[in-house]
C-alpha atoms as a PDB file:
ATOM      1  CA  MET A   1     -52.020  34.552 -48.719  1.00  0.00           C
ATOM      2  CA  ARG A   2     -53.205  30.945 -48.839  1.00  0.00           C
ATOM      3  CA  VAL A   3     -50.561  28.315 -49.622  1.00  0.00           C
ATOM      4  CA  LEU A   4     -50.990  24.625 -50.415  1.00  0.00           C
ATOM      5  CA  ILE A   5     -47.970  22.322 -50.106  1.00  0.00           C
ATOM      6  CA  THR A   6     -47.766  18.993 -51.896  1.00  0.00           C
ATOM      7  CA  GLY A   7     -45.522  16.534 -50.082  1.00  0.00           C
ATOM      8  CA  GLN A   8     -46.229  18.424 -46.876  1.00  0.00           C
ATOM      9  CA  ASP A   9     -44.928  15.592 -44.677  1.00  0.00           C
ATOM     10  CA  GLY A  10     -41.553  15.303 -46.404  1.00  0.00           C
ATOM     11  CA  GLN A  11     -38.325  16.899 -45.255  1.00  0.00           C
ATOM     12  CA  LEU A  12     -38.799  20.135 -47.218  1.00  0.00           C
ATOM     13  CA  GLY A  13     -42.584  20.119 -46.760  1.00  0.00           C
ATOM     14  CA  ARG A  14     -42.221  20.189 -42.984  1.00  0.00           C
ATOM     15  CA  SER A  15     -39.722  23.041 -43.160  1.00  0.00           C
ATOM     16  CA  MET A  16     -42.044  24.951 -45.500  1.00  0.00           C
ATOM     17  CA  GLN A  17     -44.862  24.606 -42.961  1.00  0.00           C
ATOM     18  CA  GLU A  18     -42.621  25.896 -40.169  1.00  0.00           C
ATOM     19  CA  ILE A  19     -41.459  28.970 -42.093  1.00  0.00           C
ATOM     20  CA  LEU A  20     -44.891  29.795 -43.543  1.00  0.00           C
ATOM     21  CA  THR A  21     -46.328  29.652 -40.027  1.00  0.00           C
ATOM     22  CA  GLN A  22     -43.634  32.031 -38.790  1.00  0.00           C
ATOM     23  CA  HIS A  23     -44.684  34.464 -41.528  1.00  0.00           C
ATOM     24  CA  GLY A  24     -48.359  34.177 -40.543  1.00  0.00           C
ATOM     25  CA  ILE A  25     -49.318  32.645 -43.893  1.00  0.00           C
ATOM     26  CA  THR A  26     -52.344  30.341 -44.084  1.00  0.00           C
ATOM     27  CA  ILE A  27     -51.447  26.727 -44.942  1.00  0.00           C
ATOM     28  CA  LEU A  28     -54.030  24.575 -46.725  1.00  0.00           C
ATOM     29  CA  SER A  29     -53.968  20.872 -45.922  1.00  0.00           C
ATOM     30  CA  ALA A  30     -53.024  18.427 -48.682  1.00  0.00           C
ATOM     31  CA  PRO A  31     -52.076  15.177 -46.926  1.00  0.00           C
ATOM     32  CA  PHE A  32     -50.766  12.091 -48.709  1.00  0.00           C
ATOM     33  CA  PRO A  33     -52.222   9.667 -49.777  1.00  0.00           C
ATOM     34  CA  GLU A  34     -55.471  11.620 -50.118  1.00  0.00           C
ATOM     35  CA  TYR A  35     -53.572  14.093 -52.299  1.00  0.00           C
ATOM     36  CA  GLU A  36     -51.810  11.781 -54.751  1.00  0.00           C
ATOM     37  CA  ILE A  37     -50.132  13.807 -57.499  1.00  0.00           C
ATOM     38  CA  THR A  38     -50.178  10.950 -60.027  1.00  0.00           C
ATOM     39  CA  ASP A  39     -53.994  10.763 -59.762  1.00  0.00           C
ATOM     40  CA  HIS A  40     -55.720  13.241 -62.051  1.00  0.00           C
ATOM     41  CA  LYS A  41     -58.291  13.987 -59.357  1.00  0.00           C
ATOM     42  CA  ILE A  42     -55.659  16.175 -57.694  1.00  0.00           C
ATOM     43  CA  VAL A  43     -56.495  18.806 -60.324  1.00  0.00           C
ATOM     44  CA  GLN A  44     -59.927  19.266 -58.744  1.00  0.00           C
ATOM     45  CA  GLN A  45     -58.595  18.816 -55.207  1.00  0.00           C
ATOM     46  CA  ILE A  46     -56.210  21.735 -55.679  1.00  0.00           C
ATOM     47  CA  SER A  47     -58.594  24.016 -57.531  1.00  0.00           C
ATOM     48  CA  SER A  48     -61.401  23.449 -55.019  1.00  0.00           C
ATOM     49  CA  GLN A  49     -59.242  24.869 -52.206  1.00  0.00           C
ATOM     50  CA  SER A  50     -58.462  28.057 -54.204  1.00  0.00           C
ATOM     51  CA  PRO A  51     -54.894  28.559 -52.994  1.00  0.00           C
ATOM     52  CA  ASP A  52     -52.950  31.651 -53.974  1.00  0.00           C
ATOM     53  CA  VAL A  53     -49.740  29.616 -54.269  1.00  0.00           C
ATOM     54  CA  VAL A  54     -48.975  25.896 -54.543  1.00  0.00           C
ATOM     55  CA  ILE A  55     -45.511  24.813 -53.427  1.00  0.00           C
ATOM     56  CA  HIS A  56     -44.899  21.489 -55.151  1.00  0.00           C
ATOM     57  CA  CYS A  57     -42.508  19.523 -52.925  1.00  0.00           C
ATOM     58  CA  ALA A  58     -43.888  16.041 -53.613  1.00  0.00           C
ATOM     59  CA  ALA A  59     -41.481  14.022 -55.747  1.00  0.00           C
ATOM     60  CA  MET A  60     -39.661  10.751 -56.194  1.00  0.00           C
ATOM     61  CA  THR A  61     -36.253  11.832 -54.924  1.00  0.00           C
ATOM     62  CA  HIS A  62     -34.538   8.462 -54.490  1.00  0.00           C
ATOM     63  CA  VAL A  63     -32.062   8.837 -57.343  1.00  0.00           C
ATOM     64  CA  ASP A  64     -31.105   5.160 -57.590  1.00  0.00           C
ATOM     65  CA  GLY A  65     -34.775   4.174 -57.304  1.00  0.00           C
ATOM     66  CA  CYS A  66     -35.516   6.417 -60.286  1.00  0.00           C
ATOM     67  CA  ALA A  67     -32.792   4.609 -62.271  1.00  0.00           C
ATOM     68  CA  GLU A  68     -34.300   1.246 -61.356  1.00  0.00           C
ATOM     69  CA  ASP A  69     -37.859   2.318 -62.272  1.00  0.00           C
ATOM     70  CA  PRO A  70     -37.715   5.193 -64.800  1.00  0.00           C
ATOM     71  CA  ASP A  71     -41.410   4.841 -65.664  1.00  0.00           C
ATOM     72  CA  LEU A  72     -42.396   5.516 -62.071  1.00  0.00           C
ATOM     73  CA  ALA A  73     -39.945   8.418 -61.882  1.00  0.00           C
ATOM     74  CA  PHE A  74     -41.569  10.095 -64.887  1.00  0.00           C
ATOM     75  CA  ARG A  75     -45.071   9.334 -63.635  1.00  0.00           C
ATOM     76  CA  VAL A  76     -44.345  11.066 -60.341  1.00  0.00           C
ATOM     77  CA  ASN A  77     -41.872  13.807 -61.239  1.00  0.00           C
ATOM     78  CA  ALA A  78     -43.122  14.802 -64.686  1.00  0.00           C
ATOM     79  CA  PHE A  79     -46.779  13.829 -65.074  1.00  0.00           C
ATOM     80  CA  GLY A  80     -47.411  14.493 -61.384  1.00  0.00           C
ATOM     81  CA  ALA A  81     -46.068  18.013 -61.850  1.00  0.00           C
ATOM     82  CA  GLN A  82     -48.309  18.429 -64.889  1.00  0.00           C
ATOM     83  CA  ASN A  83     -51.357  17.474 -62.800  1.00  0.00           C
ATOM     84  CA  VAL A  84     -50.413  19.966 -60.090  1.00  0.00           C
ATOM     85  CA  ALA A  85     -49.839  22.712 -62.665  1.00  0.00           C
ATOM     86  CA  HIS A  86     -53.241  21.930 -64.221  1.00  0.00           C
ATOM     87  CA  GLY A  87     -54.823  22.402 -60.800  1.00  0.00           C
ATOM     88  CA  CYS A  88     -53.025  25.731 -60.430  1.00  0.00           C
ATOM     89  CA  MET A  89     -54.254  26.867 -63.836  1.00  0.00           C
ATOM     90  CA  ARG A  90     -57.851  26.022 -62.857  1.00  0.00           C
ATOM     91  CA  CYS A  91     -57.765  28.338 -59.830  1.00  0.00           C
ATOM     92  CA  ASN A  92     -55.144  30.833 -61.079  1.00  0.00           C
ATOM     93  CA  ALA A  93     -52.662  29.893 -58.353  1.00  0.00           C
ATOM     94  CA  ASP A  94     -48.961  30.578 -58.659  1.00  0.00           C
ATOM     95  CA  LEU A  95     -46.822  27.430 -58.734  1.00  0.00           C
ATOM     96  CA  VAL A  96     -43.449  26.741 -57.132  1.00  0.00           C
ATOM     97  CA  TYR A  97     -41.870  23.645 -58.676  1.00  0.00           C
ATOM     98  CA  ILE A  98     -38.972  22.252 -56.642  1.00  0.00           C
ATOM     99  CA  SER A  99     -36.335  20.936 -59.028  1.00  0.00           C
ATOM    100  CA  SER A 100     -32.784  19.650 -58.839  1.00  0.00           C
ATOM    101  CA  ASN A 101     -29.165  20.258 -59.757  1.00  0.00           C
ATOM    102  CA  GLU A 102     -29.323  16.902 -61.542  1.00  0.00           C
ATOM    103  CA  VAL A 103     -30.975  18.530 -64.572  1.00  0.00           C
ATOM    104  CA  PHE A 104     -27.331  19.267 -65.502  1.00  0.00           C
ATOM    105  CA  ASP A 105     -24.716  16.782 -66.724  1.00  0.00           C
ATOM    106  CA  GLY A 106     -21.959  17.634 -64.255  1.00  0.00           C
ATOM    107  CA  GLN A 107     -19.335  18.167 -66.953  1.00  0.00           C
ATOM    108  CA  ALA A 108     -18.789  21.890 -66.351  1.00  0.00           C
ATOM    109  CA  ASP A 109     -15.808  23.422 -64.576  1.00  0.00           C
ATOM    110  CA  THR A 110     -17.763  26.280 -62.968  1.00  0.00           C
ATOM    111  CA  PRO A 111     -21.091  26.234 -61.090  1.00  0.00           C
ATOM    112  CA  TYR A 112     -24.275  26.157 -63.151  1.00  0.00           C
ATOM    113  CA  THR A 113     -26.318  29.354 -63.349  1.00  0.00           C
ATOM    114  CA  GLU A 114     -30.017  29.614 -64.161  1.00  0.00           C
ATOM    115  CA  GLN A 115     -29.054  30.339 -67.781  1.00  0.00           C
ATOM    116  CA  SER A 116     -26.875  27.221 -68.188  1.00  0.00           C
ATOM    117  CA  ALA A 117     -28.060  24.616 -70.694  1.00  0.00           C
ATOM    118  CA  THR A 118     -29.663  21.568 -69.090  1.00  0.00           C
ATOM    119  CA  ASN A 119     -28.551  18.076 -70.061  1.00  0.00           C
ATOM    120  CA  PRO A 120     -29.651  15.429 -67.537  1.00  0.00           C
ATOM    121  CA  ILE A 121     -27.769  12.122 -67.628  1.00  0.00           C
ATOM    122  CA  ASN A 122     -29.977   9.949 -65.419  1.00  0.00           C
ATOM    123  CA  PRO A 123     -33.716   9.184 -65.090  1.00  0.00           C
ATOM    124  CA  TYR A 124     -34.098  11.314 -61.959  1.00  0.00           C
ATOM    125  CA  GLY A 125     -32.648  14.393 -63.648  1.00  0.00           C
ATOM    126  CA  SER A 126     -34.580  13.725 -66.855  1.00  0.00           C
ATOM    127  CA  SER A 127     -37.858  13.347 -64.973  1.00  0.00           C
ATOM    128  CA  LYS A 128     -37.290  16.582 -63.040  1.00  0.00           C
ATOM    129  CA  ARG A 129     -36.395  18.520 -66.197  1.00  0.00           C
ATOM    130  CA  SER A 130     -39.501  17.129 -67.899  1.00  0.00           C
ATOM    131  CA  GLY A 131     -41.518  18.216 -64.881  1.00  0.00           C
ATOM    132  CA  GLU A 132     -40.216  21.761 -65.240  1.00  0.00           C
ATOM    133  CA  LYS A 133     -41.263  21.903 -68.878  1.00  0.00           C
ATOM    134  CA  MET A 134     -44.612  20.104 -68.541  1.00  0.00           C
ATOM    135  CA  ALA A 135     -45.693  22.246 -65.596  1.00  0.00           C
ATOM    136  CA  GLU A 136     -44.840  25.460 -67.394  1.00  0.00           C
ATOM    137  CA  ARG A 137     -47.095  24.533 -70.312  1.00  0.00           C
ATOM    138  CA  TYR A 138     -50.087  24.550 -67.968  1.00  0.00           C
ATOM    139  CA  GLN A 139     -49.115  27.364 -65.622  1.00  0.00           C
ATOM    140  CA  PRO A 140     -46.586  29.938 -66.840  1.00  0.00           C
ATOM    141  CA  LYS A 141     -47.087  31.824 -63.562  1.00  0.00           C
ATOM    142  CA  MET A 142     -44.519  29.645 -61.893  1.00  0.00           C
ATOM    143  CA  TYR A 143     -41.172  29.576 -60.172  1.00  0.00           C
ATOM    144  CA  VAL A 144     -38.738  26.754 -60.888  1.00  0.00           C
ATOM    145  CA  VAL A 145     -36.578  26.460 -57.782  1.00  0.00           C
ATOM    146  CA  ARG A 146     -33.583  24.184 -58.299  1.00  0.00           C
ATOM    147  CA  THR A 147     -31.710  23.053 -55.239  1.00  0.00           C
ATOM    148  CA  ALA A 148     -29.280  20.328 -54.139  1.00  0.00           C
ATOM    149  CA  TRP A 149     -28.228  17.987 -51.332  1.00  0.00           C
ATOM    150  CA  LEU A 150     -31.098  18.798 -48.981  1.00  0.00           C
ATOM    151  CA  TYR A 151     -31.021  18.062 -45.273  1.00  0.00           C
ATOM    152  CA  GLY A 152     -33.240  19.305 -42.487  1.00  0.00           C
ATOM    153  CA  PRO A 153     -35.084  18.569 -39.250  1.00  0.00           C
ATOM    154  CA  GLY A 154     -36.688  15.154 -39.054  1.00  0.00           C
ATOM    155  CA  GLY A 155     -35.122  13.858 -42.241  1.00  0.00           C
ATOM    156  CA  ASN A 156     -33.139  10.730 -43.018  1.00  0.00           C
ATOM    157  CA  ASN A 157     -30.456  12.677 -44.825  1.00  0.00           C
ATOM    158  CA  PHE A 158     -26.714  12.752 -45.510  1.00  0.00           C
ATOM    159  CA  PRO A 159     -25.685  14.186 -42.114  1.00  0.00           C
ATOM    160  CA  THR A 160     -27.794  11.711 -40.128  1.00  0.00           C
ATOM    161  CA  LYS A 161     -26.551   8.811 -42.264  1.00  0.00           C
ATOM    162  CA  ILE A 162     -22.911   9.868 -41.850  1.00  0.00           C
ATOM    163  CA  MET A 163     -23.245  10.118 -38.074  1.00  0.00           C
ATOM    164  CA  ALA A 164     -25.009   6.756 -37.838  1.00  0.00           C
ATOM    165  CA  ALA A 165     -22.468   5.019 -40.099  1.00  0.00           C
ATOM    166  CA  ALA A 166     -19.550   6.547 -38.206  1.00  0.00           C
ATOM    167  CA  ASP A 167     -20.919   5.316 -34.893  1.00  0.00           C
ATOM    168  CA  LYS A 168     -21.727   1.872 -36.242  1.00  0.00           C
ATOM    169  CA  HIS A 169     -18.561   1.129 -38.214  1.00  0.00           C
ATOM    170  CA  GLY A 170     -15.936   3.351 -36.586  1.00  0.00           C
ATOM    171  CA  LYS A 171     -14.600   4.356 -40.022  1.00  0.00           C
ATOM    172  CA  LEU A 172     -15.977   5.753 -43.270  1.00  0.00           C
ATOM    173  CA  ARG A 173     -15.274   5.749 -46.996  1.00  0.00           C
ATOM    174  CA  VAL A 174     -16.875   8.708 -48.810  1.00  0.00           C
ATOM    175  CA  VAL A 175     -16.819   9.848 -52.443  1.00  0.00           C
ATOM    176  CA  ALA A 176     -14.477  12.777 -53.054  1.00  0.00           C
ATOM    177  CA  ASP A 177     -15.206  13.479 -56.739  1.00  0.00           C
ATOM    178  CA  GLU A 178     -18.927  14.312 -56.521  1.00  0.00           C
ATOM    179  CA  ILE A 179     -19.348  18.064 -55.968  1.00  0.00           C
ATOM    180  CA  GLY A 180     -22.505  19.935 -54.974  1.00  0.00           C
ATOM    181  CA  ASN A 181     -24.154  22.375 -52.561  1.00  0.00           C
ATOM    182  CA  PRO A 182     -25.300  21.131 -49.143  1.00  0.00           C
ATOM    183  CA  THR A 183     -28.585  22.973 -48.523  1.00  0.00           C
ATOM    184  CA  PHE A 184     -30.501  23.397 -45.260  1.00  0.00           C
ATOM    185  CA  THR A 185     -34.258  23.012 -45.764  1.00  0.00           C
ATOM    186  CA  LEU A 186     -35.175  25.814 -43.350  1.00  0.00           C
ATOM    187  CA  ASP A 187     -32.940  28.253 -45.266  1.00  0.00           C
ATOM    188  CA  LEU A 188     -34.437  27.072 -48.551  1.00  0.00           C
ATOM    189  CA  ALA A 189     -37.972  27.461 -47.205  1.00  0.00           C
ATOM    190  CA  GLU A 190     -37.236  31.016 -46.046  1.00  0.00           C
ATOM    191  CA  ALA A 191     -35.889  31.888 -49.509  1.00  0.00           C
ATOM    192  CA  ILE A 192     -38.997  30.429 -51.182  1.00  0.00           C
ATOM    193  CA  VAL A 193     -41.357  32.433 -48.964  1.00  0.00           C
ATOM    194  CA  THR A 194     -39.436  35.599 -49.786  1.00  0.00           C
ATOM    195  CA  LEU A 195     -39.587  34.725 -53.486  1.00  0.00           C
ATOM    196  CA  ILE A 196     -43.350  34.107 -53.703  1.00  0.00           C
ATOM    197  CA  LYS A 197     -43.990  37.560 -52.281  1.00  0.00           C
ATOM    198  CA  THR A 198     -42.128  39.136 -55.222  1.00  0.00           C
ATOM    199  CA  ARG A 199     -44.292  37.643 -58.022  1.00  0.00           C
ATOM    200  CA  GLU A 200     -41.099  37.577 -60.104  1.00  0.00           C
ATOM    201  CA  TYR A 201     -41.689  34.327 -61.970  1.00  0.00           C
ATOM    202  CA  GLY A 202     -38.783  32.406 -63.478  1.00  0.00           C
ATOM    203  CA  THR A 203     -36.015  29.932 -62.698  1.00  0.00           C
ATOM    204  CA  TYR A 204     -33.974  30.225 -59.521  1.00  0.00           C
ATOM    205  CA  HIS A 205     -31.078  28.359 -57.949  1.00  0.00           C
ATOM    206  CA  PHE A 206     -31.516  28.373 -54.170  1.00  0.00           C
ATOM    207  CA  ILE A 207     -28.671  26.667 -52.319  1.00  0.00           C
ATOM    208  CA  ASN A 208     -26.544  27.554 -49.363  1.00  0.00           C
ATOM    209  CA  GLU A 209     -23.536  29.504 -50.612  1.00  0.00           C
ATOM    210  CA  GLY A 210     -20.402  27.598 -51.574  1.00  0.00           C
ATOM    211  CA  TYR A 211     -19.887  24.000 -52.637  1.00  0.00           C
ATOM    212  CA  CYS A 212     -17.886  20.947 -51.638  1.00  0.00           C
ATOM    213  CA  SER A 213     -17.410  17.243 -52.249  1.00  0.00           C
ATOM    214  CA  ARG A 214     -19.332  14.548 -50.420  1.00  0.00           C
ATOM    215  CA  TYR A 215     -16.040  13.783 -48.643  1.00  0.00           C
ATOM    216  CA  ASP A 216     -15.644  17.400 -47.464  1.00  0.00           C
ATOM    217  CA  PHE A 217     -19.301  17.451 -46.386  1.00  0.00           C
ATOM    218  CA  ALA A 218     -18.749  14.301 -44.322  1.00  0.00           C
ATOM    219  CA  ALA A 219     -15.528  15.654 -42.816  1.00  0.00           C
ATOM    220  CA  GLU A 220     -17.327  18.801 -41.646  1.00  0.00           C
ATOM    221  CA  ILE A 221     -20.133  16.721 -40.117  1.00  0.00           C
ATOM    222  CA  LEU A 222     -17.579  14.627 -38.206  1.00  0.00           C
ATOM    223  CA  ARG A 223     -15.692  17.730 -37.052  1.00  0.00           C
ATOM    224  CA  LEU A 224     -18.786  19.585 -35.857  1.00  0.00           C
ATOM    225  CA  THR A 225     -20.093  16.580 -33.913  1.00  0.00           C
ATOM    226  CA  GLY A 226     -16.851  15.649 -32.166  1.00  0.00           C
ATOM    227  CA  ARG A 227     -16.205  12.652 -34.394  1.00  0.00           C
ATOM    228  CA  GLU A 228     -13.086  13.943 -36.171  1.00  0.00           C
ATOM    229  CA  HIS A 229     -11.094  11.042 -34.707  1.00  0.00           C
ATOM    230  CA  ILE A 230     -13.054   8.594 -36.879  1.00  0.00           C
ATOM    231  CA  PRO A 231     -10.996   7.572 -39.962  1.00  0.00           C
ATOM    232  CA  LEU A 232     -12.410   9.018 -43.201  1.00  0.00           C
ATOM    233  CA  GLU A 233     -11.098   7.610 -46.475  1.00  0.00           C
ATOM    234  CA  PRO A 234     -11.692   9.412 -49.810  1.00  0.00           C
ATOM    235  CA  ILE A 235     -12.905   7.198 -52.655  1.00  0.00           C
ATOM    236  CA  THR A 236     -14.072   7.887 -56.214  1.00  0.00           C
ATOM    237  CA  LEU A 237     -17.467   7.511 -57.847  1.00  0.00           C
ATOM    238  CA  ALA A 238     -15.974   4.548 -59.698  1.00  0.00           C
ATOM    239  CA  ASP A 239     -15.296   2.878 -56.340  1.00  0.00           C
ATOM    240  CA  TYR A 240     -18.945   3.182 -55.313  1.00  0.00           C
ATOM    241  CA  PRO A 241     -21.155   1.446 -57.916  1.00  0.00           C
ATOM    242  CA  ARG A 242     -24.724   2.749 -58.068  1.00  0.00           C
ATOM    243  CA  ALA A 243     -27.809   2.155 -60.192  1.00  0.00           C
ATOM    244  CA  SER A 244     -27.765   5.802 -61.249  1.00  0.00           C
ATOM    245  CA  THR A 245     -25.113   7.744 -63.130  1.00  0.00           C
ATOM    246  CA  VAL A 246     -24.110  10.737 -61.019  1.00  0.00           C
ATOM    247  CA  PRO A 247     -23.262  14.163 -62.512  1.00  0.00           C
ATOM    248  CA  PRO A 248     -19.830  14.628 -60.883  1.00  0.00           C
ATOM    249  CA  PHE A 249     -19.406  18.422 -60.747  1.00  0.00           C
ATOM    250  CA  CYS A 250     -22.874  19.841 -60.275  1.00  0.00           C
ATOM    251  CA  PRO A 251     -22.912  22.841 -57.932  1.00  0.00           C
ATOM    252  CA  LEU A 252     -25.475  25.558 -58.598  1.00  0.00           C
ATOM    253  CA  GLU A 253     -24.930  29.314 -58.508  1.00  0.00           C
ATOM    254  CA  ASN A 254     -27.640  31.692 -57.346  1.00  0.00           C
ATOM    255  CA  THR A 255     -27.627  34.639 -59.731  1.00  0.00           C
ATOM    256  CA  GLN A 256     -31.344  35.336 -60.296  1.00  0.00           C
ATOM    257  CA  GLY A 257     -32.317  35.271 -56.643  1.00  0.00           C
ATOM    258  CA  ALA A 258     -29.347  37.448 -55.751  1.00  0.00           C
ATOM    259  CA  THR A 259     -30.677  40.205 -58.027  1.00  0.00           C
ATOM    260  CA  LEU A 260     -33.799  40.241 -55.816  1.00  0.00           C
ATOM    261  CA  GLY A 261     -31.704  40.280 -52.647  1.00  0.00           C
ATOM    262  CA  ILE A 262     -32.379  36.602 -51.865  1.00  0.00           C
ATOM    263  CA  LYS A 263     -29.190  34.837 -50.799  1.00  0.00           C
ATOM    264  CA  LEU A 264     -28.656  31.884 -48.514  1.00  0.00           C
ATOM    265  CA  ARG A 265     -25.835  31.818 -45.950  1.00  0.00           C
ATOM    266  CA  PRO A 266     -22.675  29.701 -46.395  1.00  0.00           C
ATOM    267  CA  TRP A 267     -23.302  25.961 -46.169  1.00  0.00           C
ATOM    268  CA  GLN A 268     -20.865  25.554 -43.269  1.00  0.00           C
ATOM    269  CA  ASP A 269     -22.846  28.006 -41.096  1.00  0.00           C
ATOM    270  CA  ALA A 270     -26.169  26.346 -41.912  1.00  0.00           C
ATOM    271  CA  LEU A 271     -24.772  22.880 -41.196  1.00  0.00           C
ATOM    272  CA  ALA A 272     -23.376  24.011 -37.849  1.00  0.00           C
ATOM    273  CA  GLU A 273     -26.788  25.307 -36.754  1.00  0.00           C
ATOM    274  CA  TYR A 274     -28.576  22.148 -37.909  1.00  0.00           C
ATOM    275  CA  LEU A 275     -26.161  19.822 -36.140  1.00  0.00           C
ATOM    276  CA  GLN A 276     -26.224  21.862 -32.954  1.00  0.00           C
ATOM    277  CA  ASN A 277     -30.010  21.650 -32.846  1.00  0.00           C
ATOM    278  CA  ILE A 278     -30.206  17.904 -33.403  1.00  0.00           C
ATOM    279  CA  THR A 279     -27.325  16.882 -31.141  1.00  0.00           C
ATOM    280  CA  HIS A 280     -28.124  19.003 -28.084  1.00  0.00           C
END
């Protein structure tokens, strides 16, 4: 199997390379900026390499940045995905489109399944949902993999920011009414590799099992790194003004992957392993 990764140098892209290598799968190079998904020439760049699978990790993931520049968000996350899907169609490659829990509005009282109706409430979520639909028009042989709250090796992510802020300020205020699934990129990458071997196309929710608030996530980070003595104050989304509107209750539930035997471990176990590896 020959796999091309867009966004190969990002947090998930690096984890994908690590896991694919462990499985002995050939990785085709697609470095940025030579491989720029908003440039239509990427269609030919992808097709000329004849991959069997393209894992599309490249995206504009800064949620507030998307709110401040919606046109750029759609250019990258929607039209960029369309270009990548066009390249896949040209060479008959399967496509994995990495999407987000923010395609939902966060107004539910139970986790969202793959069958739940989408209703994004911010430009990031809208651009990712548009990317799902635009890519599928070009390449129906695709997997939409929605995930949430990613962190992994080498990334500037929520755990690293919490630890740095705790050490700098000696106290923290963290939102307690935003709920989601902390997800470890290496676990996600392993699930994706298992999925692409099945050829069972469709929409999947791949997250570490369970969900929590940002406050609970931060509290677990402090506890696992010996910082539980640092004061942690719960605040609300209303107390923390942002450019983007956040879907408050937006955990995902993995039902489709589970039918194939693909399940990720509990988020607490994944977080413990990640923190142990980066702090020792």
